[in-house]
Amino acid sequence: QKPKVAVRMALPDGGAAGNKATVIFNACKGEKHHTVKGFKQLTRRLKTSFNVRENKDGVDPAALSGGQIAVFGGPREKFKKAEIDAIKGFLESGNSVVIMLGEGGEGKYG
């Protein structure tokens, strides 16, 4: 039986109508979990309160722009320095990042 996980996120503006935060699920690093595999139910539930989009174009400032939360669901490819810098800039702008990793690193995860 799968463990039940409660997800509680606060909107940056307190939840004003028409001003939803955007959650970006990344699928550009060979992620084990993304919007249609692994996070399908979570994505459906988040869509009631958040804008949800999937990024397949790479990790760079343009791909992360407009988002407040970036999710990496088990990346299987290593991050390049430019990608780490983009994530760091995203965090420094006051946004949030969730990176889920498996035991053994990128090469063994999957």
Foldseek 3Di string as FASTA:
>chain_A
DDDDDDDDDAAPVRQDPPDFAEEEEEPQQVACDGCVRPCVVVVVVVVVGHHYDYDNPAQALVSCPRHQEYERHAGLHDDDPRNVVSVVVSVVVVGYYHYDHDPPHNPPTD
